C-alpha atoms as a PDB file:
ATOM      1  CA  MET A   1     -24.538 -22.421  -9.061  1.00  0.00           C
ATOM      2  CA  ALA A   2     -22.917 -20.018  -6.596  1.00  0.00           C
ATOM      3  CA  ASP A   3     -19.780 -19.941  -8.767  1.00  0.00           C
ATOM      4  CA  ARG A   4     -21.806 -18.833 -11.762  1.00  0.00           C
ATOM      5  CA  ILE A   5     -23.663 -16.155  -9.812  1.00  0.00           C
ATOM      6  CA  PHE A   6     -20.426 -14.771  -8.390  1.00  0.00           C
ATOM      7  CA  ALA A   7     -18.716 -14.982 -11.794  1.00  0.00           C
ATOM      8  CA  GLY A   8     -21.649 -13.201 -13.435  1.00  0.00           C
ATOM      9  CA  LEU A   9     -21.444 -10.324 -10.971  1.00  0.00           C
ATOM     10  CA  LEU A  10     -17.670 -10.206 -11.276  1.00  0.00           C
ATOM     11  CA  LEU A  11     -17.997 -10.202 -15.075  1.00  0.00           C
ATOM     12  CA  LEU A  12     -20.144  -7.062 -14.889  1.00  0.00           C
ATOM     13  CA  VAL A  13     -17.568  -5.330 -12.687  1.00  0.00           C
ATOM     14  CA  THR A  14     -14.717  -6.461 -14.958  1.00  0.00           C
ATOM     15  CA  LEU A  15     -16.491  -5.289 -18.097  1.00  0.00           C
ATOM     16  CA  ALA A  16     -16.999  -1.868 -16.500  1.00  0.00           C
ATOM     17  CA  TYR A  17     -13.306  -1.842 -15.535  1.00  0.00           C
ATOM     18  CA  GLY A  18     -12.377  -2.855 -19.090  1.00  0.00           C
ATOM     19  CA  PHE A  19     -14.529  -0.070 -20.517  1.00  0.00           C
ATOM     20  CA  ILE A  20     -12.716   2.431 -18.299  1.00  0.00           C
ATOM     21  CA  ALA A  21      -9.332   0.904 -19.189  1.00  0.00           C
ATOM     22  CA  PHE A  22      -9.894   1.119 -22.938  1.00  0.00           C
ATOM     23  CA  THR A  23     -11.764   4.430 -23.159  1.00  0.00           C
ATOM     24  CA  ILE A  24     -11.049   6.702 -20.206  1.00  0.00           C
ATOM     25  CA  ILE A  25      -7.502   5.970 -19.009  1.00  0.00           C
ATOM     26  CA  LYS A  26      -5.217   8.087 -21.170  1.00  0.00           C
ATOM     27  CA  ALA A  27      -1.633   8.788 -20.184  1.00  0.00           C
ATOM     28  CA  PRO A  28       0.008  11.938 -21.576  1.00  0.00           C
ATOM     29  CA  PHE A  29       3.121   9.891 -22.332  1.00  0.00           C
ATOM     30  CA  GLN A  30       4.430   6.354 -21.962  1.00  0.00           C
ATOM     31  CA  TYR A  31       8.132   5.821 -21.499  1.00  0.00           C
ATOM     32  CA  ASP A  32       7.847   2.083 -21.982  1.00  0.00           C
ATOM     33  CA  PRO A  33       5.587  -0.113 -24.150  1.00  0.00           C
ATOM     34  CA  LEU A  34       3.704  -1.485 -21.135  1.00  0.00           C
ATOM     35  CA  GLY A  35       2.963   1.833 -19.481  1.00  0.00           C
ATOM     36  CA  PRO A  36       0.008   3.100 -17.480  1.00  0.00           C
ATOM     37  CA  GLU A  37      -2.491   2.534 -20.300  1.00  0.00           C
ATOM     38  CA  SER A  38      -1.490  -1.021 -21.202  1.00  0.00           C
ATOM     39  CA  TRP A  39      -1.582  -2.757 -17.804  1.00  0.00           C
ATOM     40  CA  PRO A  40      -5.272  -2.051 -17.045  1.00  0.00           C
ATOM     41  CA  GLN A  41      -6.187  -3.168 -20.569  1.00  0.00           C
ATOM     42  CA  ILE A  42      -4.212  -6.408 -20.271  1.00  0.00           C
ATOM     43  CA  LEU A  43      -5.638  -7.051 -16.805  1.00  0.00           C
ATOM     44  CA  SER A  44      -9.225  -6.546 -17.982  1.00  0.00           C
ATOM     45  CA  VAL A  45      -8.829  -8.912 -20.946  1.00  0.00           C
ATOM     46  CA  VAL A  46      -7.199 -11.648 -18.846  1.00  0.00           C
ATOM     47  CA  ALA A  47      -9.820 -11.232 -16.098  1.00  0.00           C
ATOM     48  CA  VAL A  48     -12.704 -11.521 -18.581  1.00  0.00           C
ATOM     49  CA  LEU A  49     -11.183 -14.700 -20.032  1.00  0.00           C
ATOM     50  CA  CYS A  50     -10.763 -16.229 -16.558  1.00  0.00           C
ATOM     51  CA  ILE A  51     -14.312 -15.321 -15.549  1.00  0.00           C
ATOM     52  CA  LEU A  52     -15.695 -16.792 -18.769  1.00  0.00           C
ATOM     53  CA  GLY A  53     -13.848 -20.003 -17.876  1.00  0.00           C
ATOM     54  CA  VAL A  54     -15.587 -20.082 -14.493  1.00  0.00           C
ATOM     55  CA  LEU A  55     -18.951 -19.411 -16.145  1.00  0.00           C
ATOM     56  CA  TRP A  56     -18.324 -22.168 -18.684  1.00  0.00           C
ATOM     57  CA  LYS A  57     -17.293 -24.808 -16.153  1.00  0.00           C
ATOM     58  CA  PRO A  58     -17.653 -23.971 -12.450  1.00  0.00           C
ATOM     59  CA  ASP A  59     -15.888 -26.036  -9.811  1.00  0.00           C
ATOM     60  CA  VAL A  60     -18.721 -26.718  -7.384  1.00  0.00           C
ATOM     61  CA  GLU A  61     -22.463 -26.758  -7.286  1.00  0.00           C
ATOM     62  CA  HIS A  62     -22.824 -25.419  -3.735  1.00  0.00           C
ATOM     63  CA  LEU A  63     -20.873 -22.808  -1.838  1.00  0.00           C
ATOM     64  CA  ASN A  64     -20.072 -24.353   1.541  1.00  0.00           C
ATOM     65  CA  VAL A  65     -17.670 -21.975   3.235  1.00  0.00           C
ATOM     66  CA  ALA A  66     -16.914 -22.247   6.941  1.00  0.00           C
ATOM     67  CA  GLY A  67     -17.200 -19.188   9.174  1.00  0.00           C
ATOM     68  CA  ARG A  68     -13.453 -19.217   9.826  1.00  0.00           C
ATOM     69  CA  THR A  69     -12.802 -18.992   6.084  1.00  0.00           C
ATOM     70  CA  TRP A  70     -15.102 -15.962   5.760  1.00  0.00           C
ATOM     71  CA  PHE A  71     -13.215 -14.354   8.643  1.00  0.00           C
ATOM     72  CA  ARG A  72      -9.867 -15.009   6.965  1.00  0.00           C
ATOM     73  CA  LEU A  73     -11.158 -13.617   3.660  1.00  0.00           C
ATOM     74  CA  GLY A  74     -12.403 -10.487   5.416  1.00  0.00           C
ATOM     75  CA  THR A  75      -9.088 -10.142   7.220  1.00  0.00           C
ATOM     76  CA  MET A  76      -7.257 -10.405   3.902  1.00  0.00           C
ATOM     77  CA  VAL A  77      -9.380  -7.624   2.412  1.00  0.00           C
ATOM     78  CA  VAL A  78      -8.611  -5.428   5.439  1.00  0.00           C
ATOM     79  CA  LEU A  79      -4.900  -6.250   5.094  1.00  0.00           C
ATOM     80  CA  LEU A  80      -4.952  -5.327   1.402  1.00  0.00           C
ATOM     81  CA  PHE A  81      -6.556  -1.966   2.211  1.00  0.00           C
ATOM     82  CA  ALA A  82      -4.003  -1.402   4.992  1.00  0.00           C
ATOM     83  CA  TYR A  83      -1.161  -2.271   2.601  1.00  0.00           C
ATOM     84  CA  ALA A  84      -2.499   0.220   0.061  1.00  0.00           C
ATOM     85  CA  GLU A  85      -2.780   2.945   2.705  1.00  0.00           C
ATOM     86  CA  LEU A  86       0.682   2.282   4.169  1.00  0.00           C
ATOM     87  CA  TYR A  87       2.390   1.874   0.788  1.00  0.00           C
ATOM     88  CA  GLU A  88       3.402   5.508   0.336  1.00  0.00           C
ATOM     89  CA  PRO A  89       3.945   6.634   3.952  1.00  0.00           C
ATOM     90  CA  LEU A  90       6.088   3.606   4.876  1.00  0.00           C
ATOM     91  CA  GLY A  91       7.519   2.950   1.418  1.00  0.00           C
ATOM     92  CA  PHE A  92       7.540  -0.247  -0.597  1.00  0.00           C
ATOM     93  CA  ILE A  93      10.055  -2.208   1.425  1.00  0.00           C
ATOM     94  CA  LEU A  94       8.639  -1.694   4.925  1.00  0.00           C
ATOM     95  CA  SER A  95       4.972  -1.996   3.936  1.00  0.00           C
ATOM     96  CA  THR A  96       5.713  -5.165   1.948  1.00  0.00           C
ATOM     97  CA  ILE A  97       7.678  -6.658   4.854  1.00  0.00           C
ATOM     98  CA  LEU A  98       4.717  -6.034   7.191  1.00  0.00           C
ATOM     99  CA  PHE A  99       2.134  -7.303   4.721  1.00  0.00           C
ATOM    100  CA  GLY A 100       4.151 -10.378   3.727  1.00  0.00           C
ATOM    101  CA  THR A 101       4.881 -11.298   7.336  1.00  0.00           C
ATOM    102  CA  ILE A 102       1.248 -11.026   8.441  1.00  0.00           C
ATOM    103  CA  VAL A 103      -0.083 -12.935   5.421  1.00  0.00           C
ATOM    104  CA  ALA A 104       2.520 -15.696   5.796  1.00  0.00           C
ATOM    105  CA  ARG A 105       1.593 -15.951   9.480  1.00  0.00           C
ATOM    106  CA  MET A 106      -2.104 -16.173   8.544  1.00  0.00           C
ATOM    107  CA  LEU A 107      -1.263 -19.033   6.194  1.00  0.00           C
ATOM    108  CA  GLY A 108       0.379 -20.995   9.001  1.00  0.00           C
ATOM    109  CA  ALA A 109       4.066 -20.086   8.884  1.00  0.00           C
ATOM    110  CA  ALA A 110       5.975 -19.750  12.150  1.00  0.00           C
ATOM    111  CA  TRP A 111       6.949 -16.205  13.154  1.00  0.00           C
ATOM    112  CA  ILE A 112      10.589 -16.626  12.073  1.00  0.00           C
ATOM    113  CA  ARG A 113       9.686 -18.028   8.667  1.00  0.00           C
ATOM    114  CA  ALA A 114       6.927 -15.456   8.200  1.00  0.00           C
ATOM    115  CA  GLY A 115       9.380 -12.669   9.009  1.00  0.00           C
ATOM    116  CA  LEU A 116      11.977 -14.077   6.631  1.00  0.00           C
ATOM    117  CA  PHE A 117       9.360 -14.334   3.909  1.00  0.00           C
ATOM    118  CA  GLY A 118       8.244 -10.733   4.485  1.00  0.00           C
ATOM    119  CA  LEU A 119      11.839  -9.520   4.508  1.00  0.00           C
ATOM    120  CA  GLY A 120      12.630 -11.428   1.327  1.00  0.00           C
ATOM    121  CA  ALA A 121       9.500 -10.202  -0.435  1.00  0.00           C
ATOM    122  CA  GLY A 122      10.186  -6.602   0.537  1.00  0.00           C
ATOM    123  CA  VAL A 123      13.894  -6.458  -0.278  1.00  0.00           C
ATOM    124  CA  LEU A 124      13.940  -8.787  -3.294  1.00  0.00           C
ATOM    125  CA  GLY A 125      10.730  -7.231  -4.641  1.00  0.00           C
ATOM    126  CA  TRP A 126      12.304  -3.781  -4.399  1.00  0.00           C
ATOM    127  CA  LEU A 127      15.498  -4.980  -6.094  1.00  0.00           C
ATOM    128  CA  LEU A 128      13.495  -6.616  -8.883  1.00  0.00           C
ATOM    129  CA  CYS A 129      11.278  -3.591  -9.493  1.00  0.00           C
ATOM    130  CA  VAL A 130      13.838  -0.800  -9.065  1.00  0.00           C
ATOM    131  CA  GLU A 131      17.106  -2.296 -10.232  1.00  0.00           C
ATOM    132  CA  ILE A 132      15.988  -4.762 -12.904  1.00  0.00           C
ATOM    133  CA  LEU A 133      12.646  -3.414 -14.182  1.00  0.00           C
ATOM    134  CA  ASP A 134      13.625   0.248 -13.599  1.00  0.00           C
ATOM    135  CA  LEU A 135      10.275   1.120 -11.987  1.00  0.00           C
ATOM    136  CA  ASN A 136       9.706   3.927  -9.529  1.00  0.00           C
ATOM    137  CA  LEU A 137       8.621   2.746  -6.089  1.00  0.00           C
ATOM    138  CA  PRO A 138       7.790   5.069  -3.201  1.00  0.00           C
ATOM    139  CA  ASP A 139      10.377   5.766  -0.552  1.00  0.00           C
ATOM    140  CA  ALA A 140       9.338   5.887   3.082  1.00  0.00           C
ATOM    141  CA  ASP A 141       7.846   9.394   3.326  1.00  0.00           C
ATOM    142  CA  LEU A 142       7.030   8.914   6.997  1.00  0.00           C
ATOM    143  CA  LEU A 143      10.563   7.789   7.836  1.00  0.00           C
ATOM    144  CA  ALA A 144      12.072  10.640   5.794  1.00  0.00           C
ATOM    145  CA  GLN A 145       9.936  13.143   7.710  1.00  0.00           C
ATOM    146  CA  ALA A 146      10.938  11.622  11.036  1.00  0.00           C
ATOM    147  CA  TYR A 147      14.599  11.784  10.006  1.00  0.00           C
ATOM    148  CA  SER A 148      14.304  15.424   8.926  1.00  0.00           C
ATOM    149  CA  LEU A 149      12.624  16.259  12.265  1.00  0.00           C
ATOM    150  CA  SER A 150      15.500  14.645  14.138  1.00  0.00           C
ATOM    151  CA  GLU A 151      17.939  16.708  12.058  1.00  0.00           C
ATOM    152  CA  GLY A 152      15.931  19.873  12.749  1.00  0.00           C
ATOM    153  CA  THR A 153      15.012  20.502   9.095  1.00  0.00           C
ATOM    154  CA  ILE A 154      11.789  20.346   7.185  1.00  0.00           C
END
């Protein structure tokens, strides 16, 4: 029953998001077929289909979640907000390395493996997005400012 209640609430949020995606988000131009208008629309349709699947056939009847799991979920939400806030000042690569390392560590990886995962996600993710998909990712504004201060220019 808890799955259906949660899915019902999430369906309302997703329908509102879909309404915004299809009616309000308008880009002045799109340089590729899947530009800034298309992704929110695709995401809203896929999310509605997934939520309808949960409403149709939920996994469990009762929601028995341990306190540690709630803590980890809350920590993940905080980490996602931190990643979003650090994304532009630190740039894609560094913020993704930090986020990937901490999340891998939370999931039980040793520090070395977590660091290697974060490094791989940051560098390979940047190469995939910038070199192959030709997307624009933010550079490290904070590091560029620190470098310009050390050079004596701003």
